[in-house]
């Protein structure tokens, strides 16, 4: 186990399993699914945590800013502060303000684009497509409120990435609206899975959802591949999708 992994494990202070240099993404996802069902019975939510120096440093910086030690006790204090701040976030105003800012920044560009034919997303891209991670923690986070996972692993607040409190607030809203549950986090990625509710299945709904995703995560539009770097390109991938991907540069 690397020191970065040790830092994260000590901070969490909960049960976990560790995948070291595991190239079989399907195996990791299958174990996550087993723990999700177990957690429904036993009162925890599993989270895949991709170990990196970026993530361990983010945790250490969050602790420094909150003036708490990077220990389970310090993490509990930090988590309470994040959840308290999240309760004060007006999600509609937060997303609409960010969307208005981004649209104004690109008022001379073709931000909307056109819909593209594609298969709906149905897997965790970080594990099933981009899996080059040496260590992945599968943590049993002791909460049945999945939106709180953003308070358990506090990444964010850099560049255009929302703060952990803003992430908690948005994840809670999307859990209520879409059944979205955070499955995976890294130093610059969150991936969510839709559970219990059907995905959006028409272009108008997908476009409305894409605007929310764009407001939350600018880079998934503006740093996407050519032809997909617009709202309807993103909406094409969200139509029928059961997994959502967010990445910040």
C-alpha atoms as a PDB file:
ATOM      1  CA  UNK A   1       0.000   0.000   0.000  1.00  0.00           C
ATOM      2  CA  UNK A   2       1.395   3.386  -1.001  1.00  0.00           C
ATOM      3  CA  UNK A   3       1.580   6.372   1.349  1.00  0.00           C
ATOM      4  CA  UNK A   4      -1.151   8.096  -0.673  1.00  0.00           C
ATOM      5  CA  UNK A   5      -3.392   5.090  -0.109  1.00  0.00           C
ATOM      6  CA  UNK A   6      -2.508   5.071   3.582  1.00  0.00           C
ATOM      7  CA  UNK A   7      -3.446   8.744   3.871  1.00  0.00           C
ATOM      8  CA  UNK A   8      -6.882   8.143   2.367  1.00  0.00           C
ATOM      9  CA  UNK A   9      -7.569   4.978   4.377  1.00  0.00           C
ATOM     10  CA  UNK A  10      -6.558   6.622   7.657  1.00  0.00           C
ATOM     11  CA  UNK A  11      -8.717   9.629   6.894  1.00  0.00           C
ATOM     12  CA  UNK A  12     -11.799   7.528   6.136  1.00  0.00           C
ATOM     13  CA  UNK A  13     -11.503   5.250   9.170  1.00  0.00           C
ATOM     14  CA  UNK A  14     -14.020   2.737   7.758  1.00  0.00           C
ATOM     15  CA  UNK A  15     -13.918  -0.804   6.369  1.00  0.00           C
ATOM     16  CA  UNK A  16     -12.552  -1.169   2.875  1.00  0.00           C
ATOM     17  CA  UNK A  17     -11.154  -3.538   0.283  1.00  0.00           C
ATOM     18  CA  UNK A  18      -8.152  -2.756  -1.879  1.00  0.00           C
ATOM     19  CA  UNK A  19      -7.584  -3.548  -5.541  1.00  0.00           C
ATOM     20  CA  UNK A  20      -3.881  -3.265  -6.410  1.00  0.00           C
ATOM     21  CA  UNK A  21      -2.919  -3.263 -10.098  1.00  0.00           C
ATOM     22  CA  UNK A  22      -6.227  -4.924 -10.976  1.00  0.00           C
ATOM     23  CA  UNK A  23      -6.700  -4.693 -14.740  1.00  0.00           C
ATOM     24  CA  UNK A  24     -10.094  -6.437 -14.792  1.00  0.00           C
ATOM     25  CA  UNK A  25     -12.541  -3.558 -14.533  1.00  0.00           C
ATOM     26  CA  UNK A  26     -15.519  -5.891 -14.690  1.00  0.00           C
ATOM     27  CA  UNK A  27     -14.261  -7.670 -11.561  1.00  0.00           C
ATOM     28  CA  UNK A  28     -14.030  -4.372  -9.676  1.00  0.00           C
ATOM     29  CA  UNK A  29     -17.490  -3.265 -10.783  1.00  0.00           C
ATOM     30  CA  UNK A  30     -18.992  -6.645  -9.901  1.00  0.00           C
ATOM     31  CA  UNK A  31     -17.591  -6.439  -6.373  1.00  0.00           C
ATOM     32  CA  UNK A  32     -18.924  -2.897  -6.042  1.00  0.00           C
ATOM     33  CA  UNK A  33     -22.359  -4.161  -7.027  1.00  0.00           C
ATOM     34  CA  UNK A  34     -22.189  -6.950  -4.435  1.00  0.00           C
ATOM     35  CA  UNK A  35     -21.309  -4.434  -1.734  1.00  0.00           C
ATOM     36  CA  UNK A  36     -24.036  -2.066  -2.879  1.00  0.00           C
ATOM     37  CA  UNK A  37     -26.645  -4.764  -2.292  1.00  0.00           C
ATOM     38  CA  UNK A  38     -25.018  -5.674   1.021  1.00  0.00           C
ATOM     39  CA  UNK A  39     -24.949  -2.034   2.029  1.00  0.00           C
ATOM     40  CA  UNK A  40     -28.675  -1.730   1.392  1.00  0.00           C
ATOM     41  CA  UNK A  41     -29.168  -4.338   4.110  1.00  0.00           C
ATOM     42  CA  UNK A  42     -26.421  -3.260   6.500  1.00  0.00           C
ATOM     43  CA  UNK A  43     -26.512   0.528   6.257  1.00  0.00           C
ATOM     44  CA  UNK A  44     -23.481   1.590   4.225  1.00  0.00           C
ATOM     45  CA  UNK A  45     -22.784   2.862   0.712  1.00  0.00           C
ATOM     46  CA  UNK A  46     -19.777   1.542  -1.237  1.00  0.00           C
ATOM     47  CA  UNK A  47     -17.512   3.983  -3.031  1.00  0.00           C
ATOM     48  CA  UNK A  48     -14.663   3.282  -5.440  1.00  0.00           C
ATOM     49  CA  UNK A  49     -11.777   5.629  -4.662  1.00  0.00           C
ATOM     50  CA  UNK A  50      -8.966   5.937  -7.197  1.00  0.00           C
ATOM     51  CA  UNK A  51      -5.779   6.563  -5.267  1.00  0.00           C
ATOM     52  CA  UNK A  52      -3.463   9.351  -6.410  1.00  0.00           C
ATOM     53  CA  UNK A  53      -1.233  12.029  -4.973  1.00  0.00           C
ATOM     54  CA  UNK A  54      -3.775  14.585  -6.232  1.00  0.00           C
ATOM     55  CA  UNK A  55      -6.550  13.083  -4.132  1.00  0.00           C
ATOM     56  CA  UNK A  56      -4.464  12.571  -0.993  1.00  0.00           C
ATOM     57  CA  UNK A  57      -3.221  16.168  -1.274  1.00  0.00           C
ATOM     58  CA  UNK A  58      -6.798  17.415  -1.710  1.00  0.00           C
ATOM     59  CA  UNK A  59      -7.785  15.661   1.518  1.00  0.00           C
ATOM     60  CA  UNK A  60      -4.791  17.073   3.372  1.00  0.00           C
ATOM     61  CA  UNK A  61      -5.525  20.599   2.077  1.00  0.00           C
ATOM     62  CA  UNK A  62      -9.192  20.329   3.051  1.00  0.00           C
ATOM     63  CA  UNK A  63      -8.100  19.363   6.567  1.00  0.00           C
ATOM     64  CA  UNK A  64      -5.612  22.236   6.720  1.00  0.00           C
ATOM     65  CA  UNK A  65      -8.244  24.742   5.587  1.00  0.00           C
ATOM     66  CA  UNK A  66     -10.665  23.437   8.222  1.00  0.00           C
ATOM     67  CA  UNK A  67      -7.861  23.284  10.821  1.00  0.00           C
ATOM     68  CA  UNK A  68      -8.514  19.633  11.620  1.00  0.00           C
ATOM     69  CA  UNK A  69      -6.080  16.684  11.549  1.00  0.00           C
ATOM     70  CA  UNK A  70      -6.295  14.128   8.673  1.00  0.00           C
ATOM     71  CA  UNK A  71      -7.655  11.479  11.036  1.00  0.00           C
ATOM     72  CA  UNK A  72     -11.093   9.862  11.399  1.00  0.00           C
ATOM     73  CA  UNK A  73     -11.836  12.362  14.203  1.00  0.00           C
ATOM     74  CA  UNK A  74     -10.750  15.301  12.084  1.00  0.00           C
ATOM     75  CA  UNK A  75     -12.653  13.865   9.126  1.00  0.00           C
ATOM     76  CA  UNK A  76     -15.844  13.731  11.209  1.00  0.00           C
ATOM     77  CA  UNK A  77     -15.487  17.425  12.103  1.00  0.00           C
ATOM     78  CA  UNK A  78     -14.756  18.329   8.490  1.00  0.00           C
ATOM     79  CA  UNK A  79     -17.696  16.261   7.279  1.00  0.00           C
ATOM     80  CA  UNK A  80     -20.117  17.974   9.667  1.00  0.00           C
ATOM     81  CA  UNK A  81     -18.927  21.361   8.417  1.00  0.00           C
ATOM     82  CA  UNK A  82     -19.345  20.350   4.754  1.00  0.00           C
ATOM     83  CA  UNK A  83     -22.845  18.974   5.339  1.00  0.00           C
ATOM     84  CA  UNK A  84     -23.853  22.117   7.216  1.00  0.00           C
ATOM     85  CA  UNK A  85     -22.650  24.292   4.350  1.00  0.00           C
ATOM     86  CA  UNK A  86     -24.367  22.020   1.814  1.00  0.00           C
ATOM     87  CA  UNK A  87     -27.715  22.542   3.537  1.00  0.00           C
ATOM     88  CA  UNK A  88     -27.432  26.258   2.760  1.00  0.00           C
ATOM     89  CA  UNK A  89     -26.749  25.801  -0.974  1.00  0.00           C
ATOM     90  CA  UNK A  90     -29.638  26.775  -3.263  1.00  0.00           C
ATOM     91  CA  UNK A  91     -29.054  24.218  -6.009  1.00  0.00           C
ATOM     92  CA  UNK A  92     -31.277  25.880  -8.615  1.00  0.00           C
ATOM     93  CA  UNK A  93     -29.572  29.253  -8.180  1.00  0.00           C
ATOM     94  CA  UNK A  94     -26.144  27.649  -8.055  1.00  0.00           C
ATOM     95  CA  UNK A  95     -26.573  25.766 -11.338  1.00  0.00           C
ATOM     96  CA  UNK A  96     -28.451  28.518 -13.158  1.00  0.00           C
ATOM     97  CA  UNK A  97     -25.823  31.125 -12.228  1.00  0.00           C
ATOM     98  CA  UNK A  98     -22.990  28.915 -13.469  1.00  0.00           C
ATOM     99  CA  UNK A  99     -24.859  28.104 -16.683  1.00  0.00           C
ATOM    100  CA  UNK A 100     -25.510  31.807 -17.344  1.00  0.00           C
ATOM    101  CA  UNK A 101     -21.824  32.590 -16.761  1.00  0.00           C
ATOM    102  CA  UNK A 102     -20.655  29.872 -19.152  1.00  0.00           C
ATOM    103  CA  UNK A 103     -23.178  30.795 -21.830  1.00  0.00           C
ATOM    104  CA  UNK A 104     -22.071  34.428 -21.636  1.00  0.00           C
ATOM    105  CA  UNK A 105     -18.422  33.352 -21.936  1.00  0.00           C
ATOM    106  CA  UNK A 106     -19.304  31.536 -25.179  1.00  0.00           C
ATOM    107  CA  UNK A 107     -21.989  33.824 -26.570  1.00  0.00           C
ATOM    108  CA  UNK A 108     -20.187  33.963 -29.916  1.00  0.00           C
ATOM    109  CA  UNK A 109     -19.723  30.192 -30.123  1.00  0.00           C
ATOM    110  CA  UNK A 110     -22.061  27.407 -31.206  1.00  0.00           C
ATOM    111  CA  UNK A 111     -22.627  26.056 -27.709  1.00  0.00           C
ATOM    112  CA  UNK A 112     -25.757  24.030 -28.465  1.00  0.00           C
ATOM    113  CA  UNK A 113     -24.537  21.993 -31.429  1.00  0.00           C
ATOM    114  CA  UNK A 114     -26.505  19.048 -32.768  1.00  0.00           C
ATOM    115  CA  UNK A 115     -27.555  15.651 -31.497  1.00  0.00           C
ATOM    116  CA  UNK A 116     -25.299  12.759 -32.460  1.00  0.00           C
ATOM    117  CA  UNK A 117     -26.060   9.036 -32.764  1.00  0.00           C
ATOM    118  CA  UNK A 118     -24.369   7.088 -29.967  1.00  0.00           C
ATOM    119  CA  UNK A 119     -24.877   4.295 -27.497  1.00  0.00           C
ATOM    120  CA  UNK A 120     -26.064   5.390 -24.041  1.00  0.00           C
ATOM    121  CA  UNK A 121     -23.476   5.311 -21.285  1.00  0.00           C
ATOM    122  CA  UNK A 122     -23.848   2.240 -19.097  1.00  0.00           C
ATOM    123  CA  UNK A 123     -20.496   1.703 -17.375  1.00  0.00           C
ATOM    124  CA  UNK A 124     -17.956   3.463 -15.189  1.00  0.00           C
ATOM    125  CA  UNK A 125     -15.544   4.933 -17.717  1.00  0.00           C
ATOM    126  CA  UNK A 126     -12.672   5.268 -15.252  1.00  0.00           C
ATOM    127  CA  UNK A 127     -12.763   1.542 -14.503  1.00  0.00           C
ATOM    128  CA  UNK A 128     -13.975  -0.020 -17.736  1.00  0.00           C
ATOM    129  CA  UNK A 129     -12.329   2.224 -20.328  1.00  0.00           C
ATOM    130  CA  UNK A 130      -9.487   4.237 -18.783  1.00  0.00           C
ATOM    131  CA  UNK A 131      -8.306   1.762 -16.136  1.00  0.00           C
ATOM    132  CA  UNK A 132      -4.645   2.556 -15.563  1.00  0.00           C
ATOM    133  CA  UNK A 133      -4.896   3.050 -11.789  1.00  0.00           C
ATOM    134  CA  UNK A 134      -2.520   1.126  -9.547  1.00  0.00           C
ATOM    135  CA  UNK A 135      -4.675   1.253  -6.391  1.00  0.00           C
ATOM    136  CA  UNK A 136      -8.443   1.443  -6.018  1.00  0.00           C
ATOM    137  CA  UNK A 137     -10.039   1.507  -2.597  1.00  0.00           C
ATOM    138  CA  UNK A 138     -13.543   0.078  -2.327  1.00  0.00           C
ATOM    139  CA  UNK A 139     -14.720   1.767   0.856  1.00  0.00           C
ATOM    140  CA  UNK A 140     -17.816   0.892   2.865  1.00  0.00           C
ATOM    141  CA  UNK A 141     -18.908   4.428   3.718  1.00  0.00           C
ATOM    142  CA  UNK A 142     -21.165   4.217   6.800  1.00  0.00           C
ATOM    143  CA  UNK A 143     -24.080   6.267   5.516  1.00  0.00           C
ATOM    144  CA  UNK A 144     -27.309   5.463   3.708  1.00  0.00           C
ATOM    145  CA  UNK A 145     -27.419   8.994   2.239  1.00  0.00           C
ATOM    146  CA  UNK A 146     -25.334   8.564  -0.918  1.00  0.00           C
ATOM    147  CA  UNK A 147     -24.994  12.286  -1.570  1.00  0.00           C
ATOM    148  CA  UNK A 148     -22.923  12.522   1.620  1.00  0.00           C
ATOM    149  CA  UNK A 149     -20.084  10.625  -0.075  1.00  0.00           C
ATOM    150  CA  UNK A 150     -18.849  13.970  -1.416  1.00  0.00           C
ATOM    151  CA  UNK A 151     -18.327  15.019   2.212  1.00  0.00           C
ATOM    152  CA  UNK A 152     -16.487  11.792   3.033  1.00  0.00           C
ATOM    153  CA  UNK A 153     -13.986  12.310   0.201  1.00  0.00           C
ATOM    154  CA  UNK A 154     -13.530  16.093  -0.050  1.00  0.00           C
ATOM    155  CA  UNK A 155     -12.113  16.853  -3.480  1.00  0.00           C
ATOM    156  CA  UNK A 156     -13.039  20.012  -5.347  1.00  0.00           C
ATOM    157  CA  UNK A 157     -12.957  23.759  -5.001  1.00  0.00           C
ATOM    158  CA  UNK A 158     -10.205  24.085  -7.633  1.00  0.00           C
ATOM    159  CA  UNK A 159     -10.653  25.915 -10.945  1.00  0.00           C
ATOM    160  CA  UNK A 160     -14.310  25.383 -11.920  1.00  0.00           C
ATOM    161  CA  UNK A 161     -14.794  22.247  -9.808  1.00  0.00           C
ATOM    162  CA  UNK A 162     -17.560  22.820  -7.242  1.00  0.00           C
ATOM    163  CA  UNK A 163     -16.640  22.684  -3.580  1.00  0.00           C
ATOM    164  CA  UNK A 164     -17.446  19.532  -1.593  1.00  0.00           C
ATOM    165  CA  UNK A 165     -20.458  21.294  -0.028  1.00  0.00           C
ATOM    166  CA  UNK A 166     -21.779  22.248  -3.468  1.00  0.00           C
ATOM    167  CA  UNK A 167     -21.209  18.693  -4.678  1.00  0.00           C
ATOM    168  CA  UNK A 168     -23.193  17.322  -1.720  1.00  0.00           C
ATOM    169  CA  UNK A 169     -26.098  19.666  -2.425  1.00  0.00           C
ATOM    170  CA  UNK A 170     -26.203  18.879  -6.151  1.00  0.00           C
ATOM    171  CA  UNK A 171     -25.822  15.132  -5.589  1.00  0.00           C
ATOM    172  CA  UNK A 172     -28.722  15.191  -3.152  1.00  0.00           C
ATOM    173  CA  UNK A 173     -30.936  16.963  -5.677  1.00  0.00           C
ATOM    174  CA  UNK A 174     -29.964  14.536  -8.436  1.00  0.00           C
ATOM    175  CA  UNK A 175     -30.550  11.579  -6.148  1.00  0.00           C
ATOM    176  CA  UNK A 176     -34.064  12.836  -5.476  1.00  0.00           C
ATOM    177  CA  UNK A 177     -34.772  13.607  -9.141  1.00  0.00           C
ATOM    178  CA  UNK A 178     -32.929  10.838 -10.981  1.00  0.00           C
ATOM    179  CA  UNK A 179     -31.902   8.246  -8.401  1.00  0.00           C
ATOM    180  CA  UNK A 180     -28.247   9.193  -8.972  1.00  0.00           C
ATOM    181  CA  UNK A 181     -25.708   7.640  -6.592  1.00  0.00           C
ATOM    182  CA  UNK A 182     -21.963   8.404  -6.549  1.00  0.00           C
ATOM    183  CA  UNK A 183     -20.044   5.237  -7.435  1.00  0.00           C
ATOM    184  CA  UNK A 184     -16.497   6.492  -8.003  1.00  0.00           C
ATOM    185  CA  UNK A 185     -14.233   9.406  -7.128  1.00  0.00           C
ATOM    186  CA  UNK A 186     -10.664  10.374  -7.992  1.00  0.00           C
ATOM    187  CA  UNK A 187      -8.691  13.577  -7.663  1.00  0.00           C
ATOM    188  CA  UNK A 188     -10.589  15.117 -10.591  1.00  0.00           C
ATOM    189  CA  UNK A 189     -13.509  12.791 -11.411  1.00  0.00           C
ATOM    190  CA  UNK A 190     -16.902  11.809 -10.035  1.00  0.00           C
ATOM    191  CA  UNK A 191     -18.977   9.071 -11.654  1.00  0.00           C
ATOM    192  CA  UNK A 192     -22.602   8.511 -10.673  1.00  0.00           C
ATOM    193  CA  UNK A 193     -24.994   5.675 -11.436  1.00  0.00           C
ATOM    194  CA  UNK A 194     -28.762   5.925 -11.799  1.00  0.00           C
ATOM    195  CA  UNK A 195     -30.633   3.491  -9.577  1.00  0.00           C
ATOM    196  CA  UNK A 196     -34.333   3.108  -8.917  1.00  0.00           C
ATOM    197  CA  UNK A 197     -35.508   5.571 -11.552  1.00  0.00           C
ATOM    198  CA  UNK A 198     -35.440   5.339 -15.354  1.00  0.00           C
ATOM    199  CA  UNK A 199     -32.910   7.460 -17.267  1.00  0.00           C
ATOM    200  CA  UNK A 200     -34.066  10.343 -19.426  1.00  0.00           C
ATOM    201  CA  UNK A 201     -35.213   8.901 -22.724  1.00  0.00           C
ATOM    202  CA  UNK A 202     -36.060  11.806 -25.052  1.00  0.00           C
ATOM    203  CA  UNK A 203     -33.996  14.575 -26.593  1.00  0.00           C
ATOM    204  CA  UNK A 204     -35.740  17.465 -24.831  1.00  0.00           C
ATOM    205  CA  UNK A 205     -35.217  15.939 -21.396  1.00  0.00           C
ATOM    206  CA  UNK A 206     -31.642  14.990 -22.263  1.00  0.00           C
ATOM    207  CA  UNK A 207     -30.887  18.543 -23.356  1.00  0.00           C
ATOM    208  CA  UNK A 208     -32.271  19.988 -20.114  1.00  0.00           C
ATOM    209  CA  UNK A 209     -30.149  17.509 -18.165  1.00  0.00           C
ATOM    210  CA  UNK A 210     -27.073  18.317 -20.259  1.00  0.00           C
ATOM    211  CA  UNK A 211     -27.407  21.985 -19.320  1.00  0.00           C
ATOM    212  CA  UNK A 212     -27.328  21.007 -15.644  1.00  0.00           C
ATOM    213  CA  UNK A 213     -24.294  18.819 -16.205  1.00  0.00           C
ATOM    214  CA  UNK A 214     -22.557  21.593 -18.148  1.00  0.00           C
ATOM    215  CA  UNK A 215     -23.260  24.032 -15.330  1.00  0.00           C
ATOM    216  CA  UNK A 216     -21.863  21.561 -12.809  1.00  0.00           C
ATOM    217  CA  UNK A 217     -18.877  20.498 -14.910  1.00  0.00           C
ATOM    218  CA  UNK A 218     -17.712  22.882 -17.618  1.00  0.00           C
ATOM    219  CA  UNK A 219     -14.922  20.635 -18.886  1.00  0.00           C
ATOM    220  CA  UNK A 220     -17.115  17.717 -19.970  1.00  0.00           C
ATOM    221  CA  UNK A 221     -18.427  20.006 -22.715  1.00  0.00           C
ATOM    222  CA  UNK A 222     -15.642  22.443 -23.480  1.00  0.00           C
ATOM    223  CA  UNK A 223     -12.848  19.882 -23.405  1.00  0.00           C
ATOM    224  CA  UNK A 224     -14.762  17.110 -25.169  1.00  0.00           C
ATOM    225  CA  UNK A 225     -13.689  15.778 -28.566  1.00  0.00           C
ATOM    226  CA  UNK A 226     -14.575  17.815 -31.625  1.00  0.00           C
ATOM    227  CA  UNK A 227     -18.251  17.379 -32.530  1.00  0.00           C
ATOM    228  CA  UNK A 228     -19.112  16.446 -28.964  1.00  0.00           C
ATOM    229  CA  UNK A 229     -17.973  19.738 -27.419  1.00  0.00           C
ATOM    230  CA  UNK A 230     -21.439  21.203 -27.152  1.00  0.00           C
ATOM    231  CA  UNK A 231     -24.589  20.784 -25.092  1.00  0.00           C
ATOM    232  CA  UNK A 232     -26.438  18.533 -27.527  1.00  0.00           C
ATOM    233  CA  UNK A 233     -23.357  16.386 -27.998  1.00  0.00           C
ATOM    234  CA  UNK A 234     -23.411  15.799 -24.251  1.00  0.00           C
ATOM    235  CA  UNK A 235     -27.188  15.316 -24.314  1.00  0.00           C
ATOM    236  CA  UNK A 236     -26.731  12.596 -26.951  1.00  0.00           C
ATOM    237  CA  UNK A 237     -24.568  10.661 -24.491  1.00  0.00           C
ATOM    238  CA  UNK A 238     -26.986  11.236 -21.604  1.00  0.00           C
ATOM    239  CA  UNK A 239     -30.094  10.014 -23.431  1.00  0.00           C
ATOM    240  CA  UNK A 240     -30.789   6.577 -21.980  1.00  0.00           C
ATOM    241  CA  UNK A 241     -27.561   6.640 -19.957  1.00  0.00           C
ATOM    242  CA  UNK A 242     -27.393   4.900 -16.590  1.00  0.00           C
ATOM    243  CA  UNK A 243     -23.984   6.324 -15.626  1.00  0.00           C
ATOM    244  CA  UNK A 244     -22.819   9.944 -15.534  1.00  0.00           C
ATOM    245  CA  UNK A 245     -19.207  11.134 -15.813  1.00  0.00           C
ATOM    246  CA  UNK A 246     -17.767  14.414 -14.533  1.00  0.00           C
ATOM    247  CA  UNK A 247     -14.167  15.516 -14.991  1.00  0.00           C
ATOM    248  CA  UNK A 248     -12.413  18.763 -14.126  1.00  0.00           C
ATOM    249  CA  UNK A 249      -9.060  19.870 -15.505  1.00  0.00           C
END
